[in-house]
C-alpha atoms as a PDB file:
ATOM      1  CA  MET A   1       0.000   0.000   0.000  1.00  0.00           C
ATOM      2  CA  SER A   2       1.385   3.443  -0.845  1.00  0.00           C
ATOM      3  CA  ALA A   3       2.216   6.097   1.742  1.00  0.00           C
ATOM      4  CA  VAL A   4      -0.547   8.325   0.353  1.00  0.00           C
ATOM      5  CA  ALA A   5      -3.101   5.560   0.831  1.00  0.00           C
ATOM      6  CA  ASN A   6      -1.809   4.944   4.373  1.00  0.00           C
ATOM      7  CA  VAL A   7      -2.162   8.636   5.221  1.00  0.00           C
ATOM      8  CA  ALA A   8      -5.680   8.742   3.795  1.00  0.00           C
ATOM      9  CA  ASP A   9      -6.602   5.555   5.684  1.00  0.00           C
ATOM     10  CA  GLU A  10      -5.186   6.926   8.912  1.00  0.00           C
ATOM     11  CA  ARG A  11      -7.124  10.156   8.499  1.00  0.00           C
ATOM     12  CA  LEU A  12     -10.346   8.193   7.914  1.00  0.00           C
ATOM     13  CA  LEU A  13      -9.642   6.076  11.014  1.00  0.00           C
ATOM     14  CA  ILE A  14      -9.119   9.189  13.125  1.00  0.00           C
ATOM     15  CA  GLU A  15     -12.311  10.813  11.851  1.00  0.00           C
ATOM     16  CA  ALA A  16     -14.252   7.590  12.476  1.00  0.00           C
ATOM     17  CA  ALA A  17     -12.876   7.340  16.023  1.00  0.00           C
ATOM     18  CA  GLN A  18     -13.776  10.978  16.689  1.00  0.00           C
ATOM     19  CA  GLN A  19     -17.379  10.135  15.757  1.00  0.00           C
ATOM     20  CA  ASP A  20     -17.429   6.746  17.499  1.00  0.00           C
ATOM     21  CA  PRO A  21     -14.848   6.169  20.279  1.00  0.00           C
ATOM     22  CA  SER A  22     -15.175   2.388  19.891  1.00  0.00           C
ATOM     23  CA  ARG A  23     -13.274   2.816  16.594  1.00  0.00           C
ATOM     24  CA  PHE A  24     -10.196   3.981  18.566  1.00  0.00           C
ATOM     25  CA  ALA A  25      -9.162   0.330  18.944  1.00  0.00           C
ATOM     26  CA  GLU A  26      -7.696   0.220  15.441  1.00  0.00           C
ATOM     27  CA  LEU A  27      -5.646   3.372  16.072  1.00  0.00           C
ATOM     28  CA  TYR A  28      -4.448   1.737  19.286  1.00  0.00           C
ATOM     29  CA  GLU A  29      -3.430  -1.439  17.462  1.00  0.00           C
ATOM     30  CA  ASN A  30      -1.634   0.480  14.696  1.00  0.00           C
ATOM     31  CA  ASN A  31       0.375   2.662  17.084  1.00  0.00           C
ATOM     32  CA  PHE A  32       0.891   0.610  20.240  1.00  0.00           C
ATOM     33  CA  ALA A  33       4.331  -0.777  19.363  1.00  0.00           C
ATOM     34  CA  ARG A  34       5.858   2.627  18.566  1.00  0.00           C
ATOM     35  CA  VAL A  35       4.434   4.295  21.677  1.00  0.00           C
ATOM     36  CA  TYR A  36       5.472   1.394  23.925  1.00  0.00           C
ATOM     37  CA  ALA A  37       9.018   1.366  22.480  1.00  0.00           C
ATOM     38  CA  PHE A  38       9.298   5.141  22.956  1.00  0.00           C
ATOM     39  CA  VAL A  39       8.206   4.879  26.597  1.00  0.00           C
ATOM     40  CA  ALA A  40      10.190   1.708  27.384  1.00  0.00           C
ATOM     41  CA  ARG A  41      13.466   3.413  26.395  1.00  0.00           C
ATOM     42  CA  ARG A  42      12.801   6.116  28.982  1.00  0.00           C
ATOM     43  CA  VAL A  43      11.666   4.201  32.056  1.00  0.00           C
ATOM     44  CA  GLN A  44      13.308   1.644  34.298  1.00  0.00           C
ATOM     45  CA  SER A  45      10.833  -1.220  34.369  1.00  0.00           C
ATOM     46  CA  ARG A  46       8.445  -3.093  32.137  1.00  0.00           C
ATOM     47  CA  GLU A  47       5.584  -2.399  34.550  1.00  0.00           C
ATOM     48  CA  GLU A  48       6.211   1.347  34.397  1.00  0.00           C
ATOM     49  CA  ALA A  49       6.401   1.219  30.586  1.00  0.00           C
ATOM     50  CA  GLU A  50       3.059  -0.583  30.499  1.00  0.00           C
ATOM     51  CA  ASP A  51       1.484   1.898  32.943  1.00  0.00           C
ATOM     52  CA  VAL A  52       2.704   4.948  31.043  1.00  0.00           C
ATOM     53  CA  THR A  53       1.694   3.489  27.675  1.00  0.00           C
ATOM     54  CA  ALA A  54      -1.796   2.774  29.012  1.00  0.00           C
ATOM     55  CA  GLU A  55      -1.991   6.336  30.344  1.00  0.00           C
ATOM     56  CA  VAL A  56      -0.918   7.723  26.950  1.00  0.00           C
ATOM     57  CA  PHE A  57      -3.671   5.862  25.108  1.00  0.00           C
ATOM     58  CA  HIS A  58      -6.206   6.779  27.785  1.00  0.00           C
ATOM     59  CA  GLN A  59      -5.312  10.462  27.322  1.00  0.00           C
ATOM     60  CA  GLY A  60      -5.272  10.027  23.548  1.00  0.00           C
ATOM     61  CA  LEU A  61      -8.807   8.688  23.587  1.00  0.00           C
ATOM     62  CA  ALA A  62      -9.950  11.410  25.995  1.00  0.00           C
ATOM     63  CA  LYS A  63      -8.386  14.173  23.857  1.00  0.00           C
ATOM     64  CA  LEU A  64      -9.234  12.695  20.461  1.00  0.00           C
ATOM     65  CA  GLY A  65     -12.006  15.226  19.911  1.00  0.00           C
ATOM     66  CA  HIS A  66      -9.377  17.999  20.048  1.00  0.00           C
ATOM     67  CA  PHE A  67      -7.073  16.331  17.517  1.00  0.00           C
ATOM     68  CA  GLU A  68      -6.786  18.292  14.267  1.00  0.00           C
ATOM     69  CA  TRP A  69      -5.503  16.578  11.148  1.00  0.00           C
ATOM     70  CA  ARG A  70      -2.447  18.418   9.799  1.00  0.00           C
ATOM     71  CA  GLY A  71      -0.938  15.686   7.654  1.00  0.00           C
ATOM     72  CA  ILE A  72       1.462  14.587  10.396  1.00  0.00           C
ATOM     73  CA  PRO A  73       1.257  10.906  11.418  1.00  0.00           C
ATOM     74  CA  PHE A  74      -1.089  10.242  14.332  1.00  0.00           C
ATOM     75  CA  VAL A  75       1.737   8.518  16.186  1.00  0.00           C
ATOM     76  CA  ALA A  76       3.582  11.861  16.439  1.00  0.00           C
ATOM     77  CA  TRP A  77       0.640  13.250  18.414  1.00  0.00           C
ATOM     78  CA  LEU A  78       0.669  10.177  20.662  1.00  0.00           C
ATOM     79  CA  LEU A  79       4.438  10.485  21.189  1.00  0.00           C
ATOM     80  CA  ARG A  80       4.001  14.087  22.272  1.00  0.00           C
ATOM     81  CA  ILE A  81       1.400  12.928  24.815  1.00  0.00           C
ATOM     82  CA  ALA A  82       3.892  10.251  25.933  1.00  0.00           C
ATOM     83  CA  ALA A  83       6.706  12.789  26.322  1.00  0.00           C
ATOM     84  CA  ASN A  84       4.476  15.105  28.343  1.00  0.00           C
ATOM     85  CA  THR A  85       3.235  12.210  30.485  1.00  0.00           C
ATOM     86  CA  LEU A  86       6.809  11.146  31.234  1.00  0.00           C
ATOM     87  CA  ALA A  87       7.876  14.714  32.016  1.00  0.00           C
ATOM     88  CA  ASP A  88       4.916  15.122  34.391  1.00  0.00           C
ATOM     89  CA  ARG A  89       5.780  11.830  36.131  1.00  0.00           C
ATOM     90  CA  TRP A  90       9.436  12.769  36.541  1.00  0.00           C
ATOM     91  CA  GLN A  91       8.494  16.176  37.869  1.00  0.00           C
ATOM     92  CA  ARG A  92       6.082  14.612  40.408  1.00  0.00           C
ATOM     93  CA  GLU A  93       8.688  12.038  41.443  1.00  0.00           C
ATOM     94  CA  SER A  94      11.389  14.649  41.904  1.00  0.00           C
ATOM     95  CA  ARG A  95       9.073  16.720  44.113  1.00  0.00           C
ATOM     96  CA  ASN A  96       8.111  13.698  46.203  1.00  0.00           C
ATOM     97  CA  GLN A  97      11.627  12.408  46.796  1.00  0.00           C
ATOM     98  CA  GLU A  98      13.043  13.093  50.195  1.00  0.00           C
ATOM     99  CA  VAL A  99      16.679  14.095  50.287  1.00  0.00           C
ATOM    100  CA  PRO A 100      18.515  12.699  53.316  1.00  0.00           C
ATOM    101  CA  SER A 101      19.950  15.470  55.463  1.00  0.00           C
ATOM    102  CA  ASP A 102      23.456  13.932  55.390  1.00  0.00           C
ATOM    103  CA  ALA A 103      23.357  14.010  51.578  1.00  0.00           C
ATOM    104  CA  LEU A 104      22.665  17.722  51.739  1.00  0.00           C
ATOM    105  CA  GLU A 105      25.629  18.255  54.033  1.00  0.00           C
ATOM    106  CA  GLU A 106      27.917  16.273  51.704  1.00  0.00           C
ATOM    107  CA  ALA A 107      26.963  18.300  48.657  1.00  0.00           C
ATOM    108  CA  GLY A 108      28.234  21.542  50.052  1.00  0.00           C
ATOM    109  CA  THR A 109      24.742  22.387  49.603  1.00  0.00           C
ATOM    110  CA  ASP A 110      23.272  25.739  50.164  1.00  0.00           C
ATOM    111  CA  GLN A 111      25.212  27.061  47.179  1.00  0.00           C
ATOM    112  CA  ALA A 112      24.459  23.978  45.082  1.00  0.00           C
ATOM    113  CA  ILE A 113      20.757  24.186  45.916  1.00  0.00           C
ATOM    114  CA  GLU A 114      20.660  27.902  45.146  1.00  0.00           C
ATOM    115  CA  ARG A 115      22.429  27.365  41.804  1.00  0.00           C
ATOM    116  CA  SER A 116      20.019  24.577  40.868  1.00  0.00           C
ATOM    117  CA  ALA A 117      17.002  26.679  41.817  1.00  0.00           C
ATOM    118  CA  MET A 118      18.350  29.671  39.897  1.00  0.00           C
ATOM    119  CA  LEU A 119      19.078  27.536  36.835  1.00  0.00           C
ATOM    120  CA  PHE A 120      15.590  26.031  36.979  1.00  0.00           C
ATOM    121  CA  GLN A 121      14.059  29.525  37.114  1.00  0.00           C
ATOM    122  CA  LEU A 122      16.204  30.704  34.208  1.00  0.00           C
ATOM    123  CA  VAL A 123      15.194  27.703  32.079  1.00  0.00           C
ATOM    124  CA  GLU A 124      11.532  28.464  32.863  1.00  0.00           C
ATOM    125  CA  ARG A 125      12.017  31.993  31.435  1.00  0.00           C
ATOM    126  CA  LEU A 126      13.379  30.782  28.090  1.00  0.00           C
ATOM    127  CA  PRO A 127      11.158  30.976  25.011  1.00  0.00           C
ATOM    128  CA  GLU A 128       8.896  27.903  24.896  1.00  0.00           C
ATOM    129  CA  ASP A 129      10.692  26.118  22.030  1.00  0.00           C
ATOM    130  CA  GLN A 130      14.128  26.635  23.625  1.00  0.00           C
ATOM    131  CA  LYS A 131      12.855  25.495  27.030  1.00  0.00           C
ATOM    132  CA  LEU A 132      11.346  22.370  25.453  1.00  0.00           C
ATOM    133  CA  VAL A 133      14.647  21.493  23.748  1.00  0.00           C
ATOM    134  CA  ILE A 134      16.649  22.005  26.966  1.00  0.00           C
ATOM    135  CA  VAL A 135      14.278  19.854  29.018  1.00  0.00           C
ATOM    136  CA  ARG A 136      14.091  17.093  26.395  1.00  0.00           C
ATOM    137  CA  ARG A 137      17.863  17.135  25.830  1.00  0.00           C
ATOM    138  CA  PHE A 138      19.250  17.460  29.360  1.00  0.00           C
ATOM    139  CA  VAL A 139      16.484  16.336  31.713  1.00  0.00           C
ATOM    140  CA  GLU A 140      14.996  13.553  29.583  1.00  0.00           C
ATOM    141  CA  GLN A 141      18.390  12.901  27.911  1.00  0.00           C
ATOM    142  CA  ARG A 142      16.887  12.501  24.465  1.00  0.00           C
ATOM    143  CA  SER A 143      18.852  12.674  21.248  1.00  0.00           C
ATOM    144  CA  VAL A 144      18.740  15.615  18.866  1.00  0.00           C
ATOM    145  CA  ARG A 145      17.178  13.287  16.290  1.00  0.00           C
ATOM    146  CA  GLU A 146      14.329  12.285  18.650  1.00  0.00           C
ATOM    147  CA  ILE A 147      13.613  15.903  19.541  1.00  0.00           C
ATOM    148  CA  ALA A 148      13.654  16.922  15.877  1.00  0.00           C
ATOM    149  CA  GLN A 149      11.162  14.169  15.031  1.00  0.00           C
ATOM    150  CA  GLU A 150       8.872  15.153  17.901  1.00  0.00           C
ATOM    151  CA  LEU A 151       8.930  18.840  16.977  1.00  0.00           C
ATOM    152  CA  GLY A 152       8.745  18.245  13.240  1.00  0.00           C
ATOM    153  CA  ARG A 153      11.966  20.223  12.712  1.00  0.00           C
ATOM    154  CA  THR A 154      15.370  19.447  11.287  1.00  0.00           C
ATOM    155  CA  GLU A 155      18.203  18.301  13.532  1.00  0.00           C
ATOM    156  CA  GLY A 156      20.039  21.508  12.603  1.00  0.00           C
ATOM    157  CA  ALA A 157      17.098  23.598  13.811  1.00  0.00           C
ATOM    158  CA  VAL A 158      17.041  21.719  17.129  1.00  0.00           C
ATOM    159  CA  LYS A 159      20.808  22.206  17.546  1.00  0.00           C
ATOM    160  CA  GLN A 160      20.346  25.931  16.858  1.00  0.00           C
ATOM    161  CA  LEU A 161      17.576  26.162  19.476  1.00  0.00           C
ATOM    162  CA  GLN A 162      19.804  24.338  21.961  1.00  0.00           C
ATOM    163  CA  PHE A 163      22.741  26.629  21.192  1.00  0.00           C
ATOM    164  CA  ARG A 164      20.624  29.773  21.635  1.00  0.00           C
ATOM    165  CA  ALA A 165      19.112  28.474  24.871  1.00  0.00           C
ATOM    166  CA  LEU A 166      22.513  27.587  26.353  1.00  0.00           C
ATOM    167  CA  GLN A 167      23.926  30.944  25.270  1.00  0.00           C
ATOM    168  CA  ALA A 168      21.011  32.765  26.910  1.00  0.00           C
ATOM    169  CA  LEU A 169      21.485  30.734  30.104  1.00  0.00           C
ATOM    170  CA  ARG A 170      25.233  31.472  30.153  1.00  0.00           C
ATOM    171  CA  ASN A 171      24.554  35.178  29.735  1.00  0.00           C
ATOM    172  CA  LYS A 172      21.919  35.198  32.489  1.00  0.00           C
ATOM    173  CA  VAL A 173      24.072  33.157  34.888  1.00  0.00           C
ATOM    174  CA  GLY A 174      27.032  35.440  34.156  1.00  0.00           C
ATOM    175  CA  SER A 175      25.013  38.585  34.802  1.00  0.00           C
ATOM    176  CA  ASN A 176      23.669  37.175  38.085  1.00  0.00           C
ATOM    177  CA  HIS A 177      27.203  36.579  39.416  1.00  0.00           C
ATOM    178  CA  GLU A 178      28.553  40.031  38.729  1.00  0.00           C
END
């Protein structure tokens, strides 16, 4: 079957599922392996990969009415949901982790904590696309290629966004120390 026919079929499947949620099963079957593989590479256990994948498809079904066809494969939309789900989980986990007091003393700490907090605030102030690249690249430790695919941009464009973001962070950190 040609790529054009596949795209047309996928679009028809999406439209059918938007009208009748029971038709979502075929979209699930067609995209499960890619979403599961994406998630499994980013979590530590099979159980967690299964939980996150289930959550992604649950959200996909719940948000299907908001999906707009733009000619991009449906799996790209699901992978964005997966990336956001993983980021939300990691953020929740990092907030809920207790840091032993002796670990704080060993780290030299107050300065390290302040630097981390300042860096986090500076990243939050970056333009949205730069912030997304920094988080995906350095927090989620994803490759430039993966980020480019997710954003629908070239690898060169992602590298440029990363460069600009790091330059902006260097400038802001430098100006805060003077």
